[in-house]
C-alpha atoms as a PDB file:
ATOM      1  CA  UNK A   1      56.635 154.354  69.666  1.00  0.00           C
ATOM      2  CA  UNK A   2      57.568 158.024  69.407  1.00  0.00           C
ATOM      3  CA  UNK A   3      60.435 159.602  71.299  1.00  0.00           C
ATOM      4  CA  UNK A   4      57.980 161.801  73.207  1.00  0.00           C
ATOM      5  CA  UNK A   5      55.946 158.763  74.292  1.00  0.00           C
ATOM      6  CA  UNK A   6      59.075 156.949  75.423  1.00  0.00           C
ATOM      7  CA  UNK A   7      60.164 160.025  77.390  1.00  0.00           C
ATOM      8  CA  UNK A   8      56.760 160.274  79.083  1.00  0.00           C
ATOM      9  CA  UNK A   9      56.823 156.583  80.000  1.00  0.00           C
ATOM     10  CA  UNK A  10      60.349 156.907  81.420  1.00  0.00           C
ATOM     11  CA  UNK A  11      59.310 159.928  83.491  1.00  0.00           C
ATOM     12  CA  UNK A  12      56.238 158.035  84.711  1.00  0.00           C
ATOM     13  CA  UNK A  13      58.433 155.113  85.773  1.00  0.00           C
ATOM     14  CA  UNK A  14      60.754 157.434  87.695  1.00  0.00           C
ATOM     15  CA  UNK A  15      57.786 159.183  89.340  1.00  0.00           C
ATOM     16  CA  UNK A  16      56.189 155.876  90.359  1.00  0.00           C
ATOM     17  CA  UNK A  17      59.459 154.645  91.851  1.00  0.00           C
ATOM     18  CA  UNK A  18      59.979 157.974  93.633  1.00  0.00           C
ATOM     19  CA  UNK A  19      56.473 157.718  95.119  1.00  0.00           C
ATOM     20  CA  UNK A  20      57.209 154.207  96.389  1.00  0.00           C
ATOM     21  CA  UNK A  21      60.477 155.394  97.924  1.00  0.00           C
ATOM     22  CA  UNK A  22      58.716 158.343  99.551  1.00  0.00           C
ATOM     23  CA  UNK A  23      56.125 156.026 101.118  1.00  0.00           C
ATOM     24  CA  UNK A  24      58.701 153.536 102.332  1.00  0.00           C
ATOM     25  CA  UNK A  25      61.120 156.022 103.868  1.00  0.00           C
ATOM     26  CA  UNK A  26      58.618 156.667 106.644  1.00  0.00           C
ATOM     27  CA  UNK A  27      58.181 152.996 107.543  1.00  0.00           C
ATOM     28  CA  UNK A  28      59.873 151.173 110.379  1.00  0.00           C
ATOM     29  CA  UNK A  29      63.509 150.300 109.577  1.00  0.00           C
ATOM     30  CA  UNK A  30      62.742 146.583 109.350  1.00  0.00           C
ATOM     31  CA  UNK A  31      59.867 147.110 106.875  1.00  0.00           C
ATOM     32  CA  UNK A  32      61.936 147.692 103.728  1.00  0.00           C
ATOM     33  CA  UNK A  33      65.404 148.344 102.371  1.00  0.00           C
ATOM     34  CA  UNK A  34      64.501 151.986 101.688  1.00  0.00           C
ATOM     35  CA  UNK A  35      63.234 152.475 105.251  1.00  0.00           C
ATOM     36  CA  UNK A  36      66.366 150.887 106.701  1.00  0.00           C
ATOM     37  CA  UNK A  37      68.657 153.025 104.549  1.00  0.00           C
ATOM     38  CA  UNK A  38      66.700 156.189 105.307  1.00  0.00           C
ATOM     39  CA  UNK A  39      66.793 155.521 109.055  1.00  0.00           C
ATOM     40  CA  UNK A  40      70.577 155.157 108.892  1.00  0.00           C
ATOM     41  CA  UNK A  41      70.729 158.790 107.789  1.00  0.00           C
ATOM     42  CA  UNK A  42      71.939 160.889 104.911  1.00  0.00           C
ATOM     43  CA  UNK A  43      75.578 159.795 105.232  1.00  0.00           C
ATOM     44  CA  UNK A  44      74.544 156.167 104.643  1.00  0.00           C
ATOM     45  CA  UNK A  45      72.406 157.190 101.662  1.00  0.00           C
ATOM     46  CA  UNK A  46      75.238 159.228 100.148  1.00  0.00           C
ATOM     47  CA  UNK A  47      77.743 156.433 100.740  1.00  0.00           C
ATOM     48  CA  UNK A  48      75.454 154.057  98.841  1.00  0.00           C
ATOM     49  CA  UNK A  49      75.086 156.523  95.943  1.00  0.00           C
ATOM     50  CA  UNK A  50      78.873 156.787  95.775  1.00  0.00           C
ATOM     51  CA  UNK A  51      79.291 153.012  95.792  1.00  0.00           C
ATOM     52  CA  UNK A  52      76.725 152.585  93.032  1.00  0.00           C
ATOM     53  CA  UNK A  53      78.306 155.357  90.954  1.00  0.00           C
ATOM     54  CA  UNK A  54      81.673 153.612  91.212  1.00  0.00           C
ATOM     55  CA  UNK A  55      80.127 150.274  90.229  1.00  0.00           C
ATOM     56  CA  UNK A  56      78.428 151.883  87.210  1.00  0.00           C
ATOM     57  CA  UNK A  57      81.724 153.422  86.114  1.00  0.00           C
ATOM     58  CA  UNK A  58      83.540 150.107  86.482  1.00  0.00           C
ATOM     59  CA  UNK A  59      80.805 148.317  84.542  1.00  0.00           C
ATOM     60  CA  UNK A  60      81.103 150.824  81.711  1.00  0.00           C
ATOM     61  CA  UNK A  61      84.864 150.483  81.731  1.00  0.00           C
ATOM     62  CA  UNK A  62      84.477 146.708  81.583  1.00  0.00           C
ATOM     63  CA  UNK A  63      82.260 147.068  78.528  1.00  0.00           C
ATOM     64  CA  UNK A  64      79.649 144.505  79.554  1.00  0.00           C
ATOM     65  CA  UNK A  65      76.362 146.020  78.394  1.00  0.00           C
ATOM     66  CA  UNK A  66      74.157 144.033  80.796  1.00  0.00           C
ATOM     67  CA  UNK A  67      76.298 145.082  83.746  1.00  0.00           C
ATOM     68  CA  UNK A  68      76.146 148.733  82.677  1.00  0.00           C
ATOM     69  CA  UNK A  69      72.347 148.533  82.612  1.00  0.00           C
ATOM     70  CA  UNK A  70      72.187 146.730  85.963  1.00  0.00           C
ATOM     71  CA  UNK A  71      74.583 149.067  87.767  1.00  0.00           C
ATOM     72  CA  UNK A  72      73.017 152.195  86.269  1.00  0.00           C
ATOM     73  CA  UNK A  73      69.609 151.021  87.484  1.00  0.00           C
ATOM     74  CA  UNK A  74      71.112 150.662  90.979  1.00  0.00           C
ATOM     75  CA  UNK A  75      72.628 154.141  90.709  1.00  0.00           C
ATOM     76  CA  UNK A  76      69.358 155.709  89.578  1.00  0.00           C
ATOM     77  CA  UNK A  77      67.448 153.934  92.342  1.00  0.00           C
ATOM     78  CA  UNK A  78      69.828 155.121  95.034  1.00  0.00           C
ATOM     79  CA  UNK A  79      69.842 158.603  93.518  1.00  0.00           C
ATOM     80  CA  UNK A  80      66.057 158.632  93.937  1.00  0.00           C
ATOM     81  CA  UNK A  81      66.518 157.606  97.582  1.00  0.00           C
ATOM     82  CA  UNK A  82      68.945 160.516  97.952  1.00  0.00           C
ATOM     83  CA  UNK A  83      66.449 162.924  96.391  1.00  0.00           C
ATOM     84  CA  UNK A  84      63.717 161.732  98.749  1.00  0.00           C
ATOM     85  CA  UNK A  85      66.045 162.118 101.721  1.00  0.00           C
ATOM     86  CA  UNK A  86      66.880 165.630 100.527  1.00  0.00           C
ATOM     87  CA  UNK A  87      63.258 166.635 100.012  1.00  0.00           C
ATOM     88  CA  UNK A  88      63.797 167.073  96.277  1.00  0.00           C
ATOM     89  CA  UNK A  89      61.165 165.751  93.887  1.00  0.00           C
ATOM     90  CA  UNK A  90      61.917 163.809  90.742  1.00  0.00           C
ATOM     91  CA  UNK A  91      59.860 166.438  88.886  1.00  0.00           C
ATOM     92  CA  UNK A  92      62.372 169.117  89.885  1.00  0.00           C
ATOM     93  CA  UNK A  93      65.189 167.106  88.328  1.00  0.00           C
ATOM     94  CA  UNK A  94      63.129 166.294  85.233  1.00  0.00           C
ATOM     95  CA  UNK A  95      62.304 169.995  84.840  1.00  0.00           C
ATOM     96  CA  UNK A  96      65.998 170.837  84.996  1.00  0.00           C
ATOM     97  CA  UNK A  97      66.778 168.225  82.341  1.00  0.00           C
ATOM     98  CA  UNK A  98      63.977 169.609  80.153  1.00  0.00           C
ATOM     99  CA  UNK A  99      65.386 173.119  80.631  1.00  0.00           C
ATOM    100  CA  UNK A 100      68.743 171.888  79.382  1.00  0.00           C
ATOM    101  CA  UNK A 101      67.348 169.889  76.454  1.00  0.00           C
ATOM    102  CA  UNK A 102      68.584 171.162  73.119  1.00  0.00           C
ATOM    103  CA  UNK A 103      71.181 173.395  74.734  1.00  0.00           C
ATOM    104  CA  UNK A 104      74.844 172.767  74.158  1.00  0.00           C
ATOM    105  CA  UNK A 105      76.721 171.507  77.182  1.00  0.00           C
ATOM    106  CA  UNK A 106      79.434 174.017  76.384  1.00  0.00           C
ATOM    107  CA  UNK A 107      76.869 176.836  76.403  1.00  0.00           C
ATOM    108  CA  UNK A 108      75.459 175.517  79.707  1.00  0.00           C
ATOM    109  CA  UNK A 109      78.909 175.535  81.308  1.00  0.00           C
ATOM    110  CA  UNK A 110      79.654 179.021  79.952  1.00  0.00           C
ATOM    111  CA  UNK A 111      76.395 180.318  81.447  1.00  0.00           C
ATOM    112  CA  UNK A 112      77.565 179.051  84.849  1.00  0.00           C
ATOM    113  CA  UNK A 113      80.946 180.719  84.423  1.00  0.00           C
ATOM    114  CA  UNK A 114      82.927 177.490  84.168  1.00  0.00           C
END
């Protein structure tokens, strides 16, 4: 499988998950985890993103590959919930990543004045 095909499939997976999250955020709080989290408000969503980010960092520090994958999946999922709560589409983030592709991180930081 080519790198381009893999990238397209990954983007499709993220889009499909984002669509599911978008549908569920409007449901009654007892209908799904996403609905319950969304109804608790942005602070609850952001707290969960922070928790998952910490768990991903600790998993990476611990060096257990399976845990890194598991915790990163949780982080990405909750990041998608955050995007939906913020009214930001996954395509906007993917477009930004595409814009940065092939550009040095040092050049990117310099362009922002950092």
